[in-house]
Amino acid sequence: MELFVFVCATAMIIVGALGVVLRKHPVHAEFLAAVQVIVYAGAIVVLFLFVIMLLGVDQVENLKTEPLAGQRWVAGVVGVSLLGLLAAAIYTGADSVLSRGEGIASNVAGDNPDANIQQLATSIFSDYVVAFEVTSILLVVTVVGTVLLSRRRTAGKP
């Protein structure tokens, strides 16, 4: 079984290497869009695992003691506010989403099946490139904040 997996992986690597070397334009927008989505999804999963390991979920904590007084009320207000903001965004943006969907739906039944992929790649790398970069910055800030909050303080050191 190991030999079979090794031979299959070797064949895929050799075919991929030949494709990169022999093709005139080996990287296309569709490929970059798919890779960026896969990389971000993998980064988020790794971030969650890192945070869970860092926080030490194996330790039992007393949930009745609050390190910050009133944090539950503030969290509740912020949560309800975010739900209201999300509902308002969905309500006001429904028309624009429906109008964009008509153009995509017409290409599904149209002549060019690659038009959807081209529209997605163009959209990701032109209209929403800032959103992807802001998301990556937020992930880095989250990791740094988690590390700083979960550091164990030793006696005599702040």
N, C-alpha and C. Protein backbone atom coordinates (compact mmCIF):
# COMPACT_ATOMS: atom_id res chain seq x y z
N MET A 1 0.82 -1.19 0.00
CA MET A 1 0.00 0.00 0.00
C MET A 1 0.87 1.26 0.00
N GLU A 2 1.93 1.26 0.79
CA GLU A 2 2.82 2.42 0.83
C GLU A 2 3.47 2.67 -0.52
N LEU A 3 3.85 1.58 -1.20
CA LEU A 3 4.47 1.71 -2.52
C LEU A 3 3.48 2.31 -3.51
N PHE A 4 2.23 1.89 -3.44
CA PHE A 4 1.19 2.41 -4.34
C PHE A 4 1.00 3.92 -4.13
N VAL A 5 0.89 4.33 -2.88
CA VAL A 5 0.74 5.76 -2.57
C VAL A 5 1.97 6.54 -3.04
N PHE A 6 3.14 5.98 -2.82
CA PHE A 6 4.37 6.64 -3.25
C PHE A 6 4.41 6.80 -4.76
N VAL A 7 4.05 5.77 -5.50
CA VAL A 7 4.07 5.83 -6.96
C VAL A 7 3.04 6.84 -7.47
N CYS A 8 1.84 6.85 -6.89
CA CYS A 8 0.80 7.81 -7.30
C CYS A 8 1.24 9.25 -7.01
N ALA A 9 1.80 9.47 -5.83
CA ALA A 9 2.25 10.82 -5.48
C ALA A 9 3.39 11.26 -6.39
N THR A 10 4.30 10.35 -6.68
CA THR A 10 5.41 10.66 -7.58
C THR A 10 4.92 11.01 -8.97
N ALA A 11 3.95 10.25 -9.46
CA ALA A 11 3.40 10.53 -10.79
C ALA A 11 2.72 11.89 -10.82
N MET A 12 1.97 12.23 -9.78
CA MET A 12 1.31 13.54 -9.73
C MET A 12 2.33 14.67 -9.70
N ILE A 13 3.40 14.49 -8.93
CA ILE A 13 4.43 15.53 -8.84
C ILE A 13 5.14 15.71 -10.17
N ILE A 14 5.46 14.61 -10.84
CA ILE A 14 6.16 14.70 -12.13
C ILE A 14 5.27 15.34 -13.19
N VAL A 15 4.00 14.96 -13.24
CA VAL A 15 3.08 15.56 -14.21
C VAL A 15 2.90 17.04 -13.91
N GLY A 16 2.77 17.40 -12.65
CA GLY A 16 2.64 18.81 -12.30
C GLY A 16 3.88 19.61 -12.65
N ALA A 17 5.05 19.04 -12.38
CA ALA A 17 6.30 19.73 -12.72
C ALA A 17 6.44 19.92 -14.22
N LEU A 18 6.10 18.88 -14.98
CA LEU A 18 6.16 19.01 -16.44
C LEU A 18 5.16 20.04 -16.95
N GLY A 19 3.98 20.06 -16.34
CA GLY A 19 2.99 21.05 -16.74
C GLY A 19 3.46 22.47 -16.50
N VAL A 20 4.13 22.70 -15.37
CA VAL A 20 4.64 24.04 -15.07
C VAL A 20 5.75 24.43 -16.04
N VAL A 21 6.61 23.48 -16.38
CA VAL A 21 7.75 23.78 -17.24
C VAL A 21 7.34 23.91 -18.70
N LEU A 22 6.44 23.06 -19.17
CA LEU A 22 6.13 23.01 -20.59
C LEU A 22 5.01 23.96 -21.03
N ARG A 23 4.14 24.38 -20.14
CA ARG A 23 3.04 25.28 -20.53
C ARG A 23 3.54 26.71 -20.64
N LYS A 24 2.93 27.44 -21.56
CA LYS A 24 3.34 28.82 -21.76
C LYS A 24 2.89 29.70 -20.59
N HIS A 25 1.67 29.52 -20.12
CA HIS A 25 1.13 30.27 -18.99
C HIS A 25 0.57 29.28 -17.97
N PRO A 26 1.40 28.79 -17.05
CA PRO A 26 0.93 27.75 -16.14
C PRO A 26 0.00 28.24 -15.03
N VAL A 27 0.02 29.53 -14.70
CA VAL A 27 -0.80 30.04 -13.61
C VAL A 27 -1.93 30.88 -14.20
N HIS A 28 -3.14 30.51 -13.85
CA HIS A 28 -4.33 31.22 -14.32
C HIS A 28 -5.07 31.79 -13.13
N ALA A 29 -5.97 32.73 -13.40
CA ALA A 29 -6.72 33.38 -12.32
C ALA A 29 -7.59 32.38 -11.57
N GLU A 30 -8.12 31.39 -12.29
CA GLU A 30 -8.97 30.40 -11.63
C GLU A 30 -8.17 29.61 -10.61
N PHE A 31 -6.95 29.25 -10.98
CA PHE A 31 -6.08 28.52 -10.08
C PHE A 31 -5.74 29.36 -8.85
N LEU A 32 -5.40 30.62 -9.07
CA LEU A 32 -5.05 31.49 -7.95
C LEU A 32 -6.23 31.70 -7.01
N ALA A 33 -7.43 31.82 -7.57
CA ALA A 33 -8.62 31.99 -6.74
C ALA A 33 -8.85 30.75 -5.88
N ALA A 34 -8.75 29.58 -6.49
CA ALA A 34 -8.96 28.34 -5.75
C ALA A 34 -7.89 28.16 -4.67
N VAL A 35 -6.65 28.44 -4.99
CA VAL A 35 -5.57 28.29 -4.01
C VAL A 35 -5.75 29.27 -2.86
N GLN A 36 -6.16 30.50 -3.15
CA GLN A 36 -6.33 31.48 -2.08
C GLN A 36 -7.45 31.05 -1.13
N VAL A 37 -8.55 30.55 -1.67
CA VAL A 37 -9.65 30.09 -0.81
C VAL A 37 -9.20 28.90 0.03
N ILE A 38 -8.48 27.96 -0.57
CA ILE A 38 -8.02 26.78 0.16
C ILE A 38 -7.02 27.17 1.25
N VAL A 39 -6.11 28.08 0.93
CA VAL A 39 -5.11 28.50 1.91
C VAL A 39 -5.76 29.22 3.08
N TYR A 40 -6.72 30.10 2.81
CA TYR A 40 -7.39 30.81 3.90
C TYR A 40 -8.21 29.85 4.75
N ALA A 41 -8.90 28.89 4.13
CA ALA A 41 -9.66 27.92 4.91
C ALA A 41 -8.72 27.10 5.80
N GLY A 42 -7.61 26.67 5.25
CA GLY A 42 -6.63 25.92 6.05
C GLY A 42 -6.03 26.76 7.16
N ALA A 43 -5.78 28.04 6.88
CA ALA A 43 -5.23 28.92 7.91
C ALA A 43 -6.21 29.11 9.05
N ILE A 44 -7.48 29.21 8.74
CA ILE A 44 -8.48 29.38 9.79
C ILE A 44 -8.58 28.13 10.65
N VAL A 45 -8.53 26.96 10.03
CA VAL A 45 -8.58 25.70 10.79
C VAL A 45 -7.36 25.59 11.69
N VAL A 46 -6.18 25.90 11.16
CA VAL A 46 -4.96 25.85 11.98
C VAL A 46 -5.03 26.87 13.10
N LEU A 47 -5.59 28.05 12.82
CA LEU A 47 -5.74 29.07 13.86
C LEU A 47 -6.62 28.56 14.99
N PHE A 48 -7.75 27.94 14.65
CA PHE A 48 -8.64 27.41 15.69
C PHE A 48 -7.93 26.34 16.52
N LEU A 49 -7.22 25.43 15.86
CA LEU A 49 -6.51 24.39 16.59
C LEU A 49 -5.43 24.99 17.48
N PHE A 50 -4.72 26.00 16.97
CA PHE A 50 -3.67 26.65 17.74
C PHE A 50 -4.26 27.32 18.99
N VAL A 51 -5.37 28.01 18.82
CA VAL A 51 -5.99 28.70 19.95
C VAL A 51 -6.50 27.69 20.97
N ILE A 52 -7.10 26.61 20.54
CA ILE A 52 -7.59 25.58 21.46
C ILE A 52 -6.43 24.96 22.23
N MET A 53 -5.34 24.66 21.55
CA MET A 53 -4.19 24.09 22.24
C MET A 53 -3.56 25.10 23.19
N LEU A 54 -3.56 26.36 22.79
CA LEU A 54 -2.92 27.39 23.60
C LEU A 54 -3.72 27.69 24.86
N LEU A 55 -5.02 27.64 24.77
CA LEU A 55 -5.85 27.94 25.92
C LEU A 55 -5.91 26.81 26.93
N GLY A 56 -5.59 25.61 26.53
CA GLY A 56 -5.58 24.48 27.45
C GLY A 56 -6.98 24.09 27.90
N VAL A 57 -7.75 23.53 27.00
CA VAL A 57 -9.12 23.16 27.34
C VAL A 57 -9.19 21.96 28.27
N ASP A 58 -8.06 21.34 28.55
CA ASP A 58 -8.07 20.19 29.45
C ASP A 58 -8.17 20.62 30.92
N GLN A 59 -7.96 21.89 31.20
CA GLN A 59 -8.03 22.38 32.56
C GLN A 59 -9.47 22.80 32.88
N VAL A 60 -9.90 22.48 34.07
CA VAL A 60 -11.24 22.85 34.51
C VAL A 60 -11.16 24.23 35.15
N GLU A 61 -12.04 25.13 34.72
CA GLU A 61 -12.07 26.47 35.26
C GLU A 61 -13.38 26.71 35.98
N ASN A 62 -13.35 27.55 36.95
CA ASN A 62 -14.56 27.93 37.66
C ASN A 62 -15.26 29.03 36.86
N LEU A 63 -16.43 28.72 36.31
CA LEU A 63 -17.12 29.66 35.45
C LEU A 63 -17.89 30.72 36.23
N LYS A 64 -17.99 30.57 37.55
CA LYS A 64 -18.73 31.54 38.34
C LYS A 64 -17.91 32.78 38.68
N THR A 65 -16.59 32.66 38.58
CA THR A 65 -15.77 33.83 38.85
C THR A 65 -15.49 34.55 37.53
N GLU A 66 -15.69 35.86 37.54
CA GLU A 66 -15.46 36.67 36.34
C GLU A 66 -14.23 37.53 36.53
N PRO A 67 -13.26 37.42 35.61
CA PRO A 67 -12.08 38.27 35.74
C PRO A 67 -12.41 39.75 35.50
N LEU A 68 -13.38 40.03 34.67
CA LEU A 68 -13.80 41.40 34.40
C LEU A 68 -15.27 41.54 34.79
N ALA A 69 -15.56 42.45 35.69
CA ALA A 69 -16.93 42.61 36.15
C ALA A 69 -17.81 43.16 35.03
N GLY A 70 -18.97 42.55 34.82
CA GLY A 70 -19.92 43.01 33.82
C GLY A 70 -19.64 42.59 32.40
N GLN A 71 -18.69 41.68 32.20
CA GLN A 71 -18.35 41.31 30.83
C GLN A 71 -19.46 40.53 30.14
N ARG A 72 -20.28 39.82 30.89
CA ARG A 72 -21.36 39.07 30.26
C ARG A 72 -22.43 40.01 29.71
N TRP A 73 -22.74 41.08 30.43
CA TRP A 73 -23.73 42.03 29.95
C TRP A 73 -23.22 42.74 28.70
N VAL A 74 -21.96 43.12 28.71
CA VAL A 74 -21.38 43.80 27.55
C VAL A 74 -21.37 42.86 26.35
N ALA A 75 -21.01 41.60 26.57
CA ALA A 75 -21.00 40.62 25.48
C ALA A 75 -22.40 40.42 24.92
N GLY A 76 -23.40 40.39 25.79
CA GLY A 76 -24.78 40.24 25.33
C GLY A 76 -25.23 41.42 24.48
N VAL A 77 -24.91 42.63 24.93
CA VAL A 77 -25.29 43.83 24.17
C VAL A 77 -24.58 43.86 22.82
N VAL A 78 -23.30 43.55 22.81
CA VAL A 78 -22.54 43.54 21.56
C VAL A 78 -23.09 42.46 20.62
N GLY A 79 -23.42 41.29 21.15
CA GLY A 79 -23.97 40.21 20.33
C GLY A 79 -25.30 40.58 19.70
N VAL A 80 -26.19 41.16 20.49
CA VAL A 80 -27.50 41.57 19.96
C VAL A 80 -27.31 42.69 18.94
N SER A 81 -26.39 43.62 19.19
CA SER A 81 -26.13 44.70 18.24
C SER A 81 -25.60 44.15 16.92
N LEU A 82 -24.70 43.19 16.99
CA LEU A 82 -24.16 42.59 15.75
C LEU A 82 -25.24 41.83 14.98
N LEU A 83 -26.13 41.15 15.69
CA LEU A 83 -27.24 40.47 15.01
C LEU A 83 -28.15 41.48 14.32
N GLY A 84 -28.43 42.60 14.99
CA GLY A 84 -29.23 43.64 14.36
C GLY A 84 -28.55 44.24 13.14
N LEU A 85 -27.25 44.47 13.25
CA LEU A 85 -26.49 45.00 12.12
C LEU A 85 -26.49 44.02 10.95
N LEU A 86 -26.34 42.73 11.25
CA LEU A 86 -26.38 41.71 10.20
C LEU A 86 -27.75 41.66 9.53
N ALA A 87 -28.81 41.72 10.32
CA ALA A 87 -30.16 41.71 9.75
C ALA A 87 -30.39 42.94 8.87
N ALA A 88 -29.92 44.11 9.32
CA ALA A 88 -30.07 45.32 8.52
C ALA A 88 -29.28 45.22 7.22
N ALA A 89 -28.08 44.66 7.27
CA ALA A 89 -27.27 44.51 6.06
C ALA A 89 -27.93 43.55 5.08
N ILE A 90 -28.49 42.47 5.59
CA ILE A 90 -29.17 41.52 4.71
C ILE A 90 -30.40 42.16 4.08
N TYR A 91 -31.15 42.91 4.87
CA TYR A 91 -32.37 43.54 4.37
C TYR A 91 -32.07 44.59 3.30
N THR A 92 -31.06 45.44 3.54
CA THR A 92 -30.76 46.50 2.58
C THR A 92 -29.98 46.01 1.36
N GLY A 93 -29.27 44.91 1.50
CA GLY A 93 -28.46 44.42 0.38
C GLY A 93 -29.10 43.32 -0.43
N ALA A 94 -30.34 42.97 -0.14
CA ALA A 94 -30.97 41.85 -0.84
C ALA A 94 -31.14 42.14 -2.33
N ASP A 95 -31.49 43.36 -2.69
CA ASP A 95 -31.71 43.69 -4.10
C ASP A 95 -30.44 43.61 -4.91
N SER A 96 -29.33 44.09 -4.37
CA SER A 96 -28.08 44.05 -5.12
C SER A 96 -27.58 42.62 -5.29
N VAL A 97 -27.81 41.78 -4.30
CA VAL A 97 -27.40 40.38 -4.43
C VAL A 97 -28.22 39.68 -5.50
N LEU A 98 -29.51 39.95 -5.52
CA LEU A 98 -30.36 39.33 -6.53
C LEU A 98 -30.01 39.81 -7.93
N SER A 99 -29.67 41.08 -8.10
CA SER A 99 -29.32 41.56 -9.43
C SER A 99 -27.99 41.00 -9.90
N ARG A 100 -27.03 40.80 -8.99
CA ARG A 100 -25.76 40.17 -9.38
C ARG A 100 -25.98 38.70 -9.73
N GLY A 101 -26.87 38.04 -9.01
CA GLY A 101 -27.12 36.63 -9.26
C GLY A 101 -27.69 36.35 -10.62
N GLU A 102 -28.42 37.32 -11.21
CA GLU A 102 -29.00 37.10 -12.54
C GLU A 102 -27.90 36.97 -13.59
N GLY A 103 -26.85 37.77 -13.47
CA GLY A 103 -25.76 37.67 -14.44
C GLY A 103 -25.01 36.37 -14.32
N ILE A 104 -24.83 35.88 -13.11
CA ILE A 104 -24.14 34.61 -12.91
C ILE A 104 -25.01 33.46 -13.38
N ALA A 105 -26.32 33.52 -13.10
CA ALA A 105 -27.22 32.44 -13.51
C ALA A 105 -27.32 32.35 -15.03
N SER A 106 -27.22 33.48 -15.72
CA SER A 106 -27.31 33.43 -17.18
C SER A 106 -26.08 32.75 -17.77
N ASN A 107 -24.94 32.86 -17.12
CA ASN A 107 -23.74 32.19 -17.62
C ASN A 107 -23.74 30.70 -17.34
N VAL A 108 -24.51 30.26 -16.33
CA VAL A 108 -24.55 28.83 -16.05
C VAL A 108 -25.17 28.10 -17.22
N ALA A 109 -26.23 28.64 -17.78
CA ALA A 109 -26.89 27.99 -18.90
C ALA A 109 -26.36 28.51 -20.24
N GLY A 110 -25.39 29.39 -20.21
CA GLY A 110 -24.89 30.02 -21.42
C GLY A 110 -23.90 29.15 -22.18
N ASP A 111 -23.19 29.80 -23.10
CA ASP A 111 -22.27 29.09 -23.98
C ASP A 111 -20.94 28.78 -23.32
N ASN A 112 -20.45 29.63 -22.44
CA ASN A 112 -19.12 29.49 -21.88
C ASN A 112 -19.22 29.02 -20.43
N PRO A 113 -18.92 27.75 -20.16
CA PRO A 113 -19.01 27.27 -18.77
C PRO A 113 -17.90 27.82 -17.88
N ASP A 114 -16.82 28.34 -18.46
CA ASP A 114 -15.72 28.89 -17.66
C ASP A 114 -15.98 30.33 -17.25
N ALA A 115 -17.09 30.91 -17.69
CA ALA A 115 -17.37 32.31 -17.38
C ALA A 115 -17.57 32.50 -15.88
N ASN A 116 -18.19 31.54 -15.21
CA ASN A 116 -18.40 31.65 -13.77
C ASN A 116 -17.07 31.69 -13.04
N ILE A 117 -16.14 30.85 -13.43
CA ILE A 117 -14.84 30.82 -12.79
C ILE A 117 -14.10 32.12 -13.06
N GLN A 118 -14.19 32.63 -14.26
CA GLN A 118 -13.54 33.89 -14.59
C GLN A 118 -14.15 35.04 -13.79
N GLN A 119 -15.48 35.04 -13.64
CA GLN A 119 -16.12 36.09 -12.85
C GLN A 119 -15.70 36.00 -11.39
N LEU A 120 -15.61 34.78 -10.86
CA LEU A 120 -15.19 34.60 -9.47
C LEU A 120 -13.76 35.08 -9.27
N ALA A 121 -12.86 34.70 -10.18
CA ALA A 121 -11.47 35.11 -10.07
C ALA A 121 -11.33 36.63 -10.20
N THR A 122 -12.04 37.21 -11.14
CA THR A 122 -12.00 38.66 -11.31
C THR A 122 -12.55 39.37 -10.07
N SER A 123 -13.62 38.83 -9.53
CA SER A 123 -14.22 39.43 -8.34
C SER A 123 -13.28 39.35 -7.14
N ILE A 124 -12.66 38.20 -6.93
CA ILE A 124 -11.77 38.02 -5.78
C ILE A 124 -10.54 38.91 -5.89
N PHE A 125 -9.96 38.99 -7.07
CA PHE A 125 -8.70 39.71 -7.21
C PHE A 125 -8.84 41.17 -7.60
N SER A 126 -10.08 41.65 -7.78
CA SER A 126 -10.25 43.07 -8.06
C SER A 126 -11.14 43.74 -7.02
N ASP A 127 -12.37 43.25 -6.87
CA ASP A 127 -13.32 43.91 -5.97
C ASP A 127 -13.07 43.60 -4.51
N TYR A 128 -12.68 42.37 -4.20
CA TYR A 128 -12.61 41.93 -2.81
C TYR A 128 -11.21 41.62 -2.32
N VAL A 129 -10.19 42.11 -2.99
CA VAL A 129 -8.82 41.83 -2.56
C VAL A 129 -8.53 42.49 -1.22
N VAL A 130 -9.10 43.65 -0.98
CA VAL A 130 -8.89 44.33 0.30
C VAL A 130 -9.53 43.53 1.43
N ALA A 131 -10.70 42.96 1.17
CA ALA A 131 -11.37 42.16 2.20
C ALA A 131 -10.52 40.95 2.59
N PHE A 132 -9.89 40.31 1.62
CA PHE A 132 -9.03 39.17 1.94
C PHE A 132 -7.83 39.61 2.77
N GLU A 133 -7.24 40.73 2.43
CA GLU A 133 -6.08 41.19 3.17
C GLU A 133 -6.46 41.64 4.58
N VAL A 134 -7.60 42.29 4.73
CA VAL A 134 -8.06 42.69 6.07
C VAL A 134 -8.34 41.45 6.91
N THR A 135 -8.90 40.41 6.29
CA THR A 135 -9.14 39.16 7.01
C THR A 135 -7.84 38.56 7.50
N SER A 136 -6.81 38.59 6.69
CA SER A 136 -5.52 38.04 7.13
C SER A 136 -4.94 38.85 8.28
N ILE A 137 -5.09 40.17 8.24
CA ILE A 137 -4.61 41.00 9.34
C ILE A 137 -5.39 40.69 10.62
N LEU A 138 -6.70 40.52 10.50
CA LEU A 138 -7.51 40.19 11.67
C LEU A 138 -7.10 38.84 12.27
N LEU A 139 -6.77 37.88 11.42
CA LEU A 139 -6.33 36.58 11.93
C LEU A 139 -5.02 36.71 12.70
N VAL A 140 -4.09 37.50 12.18
CA VAL A 140 -2.82 37.69 12.87
C VAL A 140 -3.03 38.40 14.20
N VAL A 141 -3.87 39.43 14.22
CA VAL A 141 -4.15 40.15 15.46
C VAL A 141 -4.80 39.21 16.48
N THR A 142 -5.68 38.33 16.01
CA THR A 142 -6.34 37.37 16.91
C THR A 142 -5.32 36.43 17.54
N VAL A 143 -4.41 35.93 16.74
CA VAL A 143 -3.40 35.02 17.28
C VAL A 143 -2.51 35.74 18.29
N VAL A 144 -2.07 36.94 17.96
CA VAL A 144 -1.20 37.68 18.89
C VAL A 144 -1.95 37.99 20.18
N GLY A 145 -3.21 38.40 20.08
CA GLY A 145 -4.01 38.66 21.27
C GLY A 145 -4.21 37.44 22.12
N THR A 146 -4.44 36.29 21.48
CA THR A 146 -4.62 35.05 22.22
C THR A 146 -3.34 34.65 22.94
N VAL A 147 -2.22 34.82 22.28
CA VAL A 147 -0.95 34.49 22.92
C VAL A 147 -0.71 35.39 24.13
N LEU A 148 -0.97 36.67 23.99
CA LEU A 148 -0.75 37.59 25.09
C LEU A 148 -1.71 37.35 26.25
N LEU A 149 -2.96 37.01 25.95
CA LEU A 149 -3.93 36.78 27.00
C LEU A 149 -3.72 35.46 27.73
N SER A 150 -3.17 34.48 27.05
CA SER A 150 -3.04 33.16 27.66
C SER A 150 -1.66 32.90 28.26
N ARG A 151 -0.77 33.88 28.18
CA ARG A 151 0.55 33.70 28.80
C ARG A 151 0.42 33.50 30.28
N ARG A 152 1.16 32.57 30.80
CA ARG A 152 1.17 32.34 32.22
C ARG A 152 2.16 33.31 32.86
N ARG A 153 1.72 34.02 33.86
CA ARG A 153 2.61 34.96 34.52
C ARG A 153 3.30 34.26 35.67
N THR A 154 4.59 34.45 35.75
CA THR A 154 5.35 33.87 36.85
C THR A 154 5.49 34.87 37.97
N ALA A 155 5.81 34.39 39.15
CA ALA A 155 5.93 35.27 40.31
C ALA A 155 7.11 36.21 40.10
N GLY A 156 6.88 37.50 40.35
CA GLY A 156 7.95 38.48 40.21
C GLY A 156 8.03 39.09 38.84
N LYS A 157 7.40 38.52 37.83
CA LYS A 157 7.45 39.06 36.47
C LYS A 157 6.03 39.45 36.07
N PRO A 158 5.86 40.61 35.46
CA PRO A 158 4.51 41.04 35.06
C PRO A 158 4.02 40.29 33.84
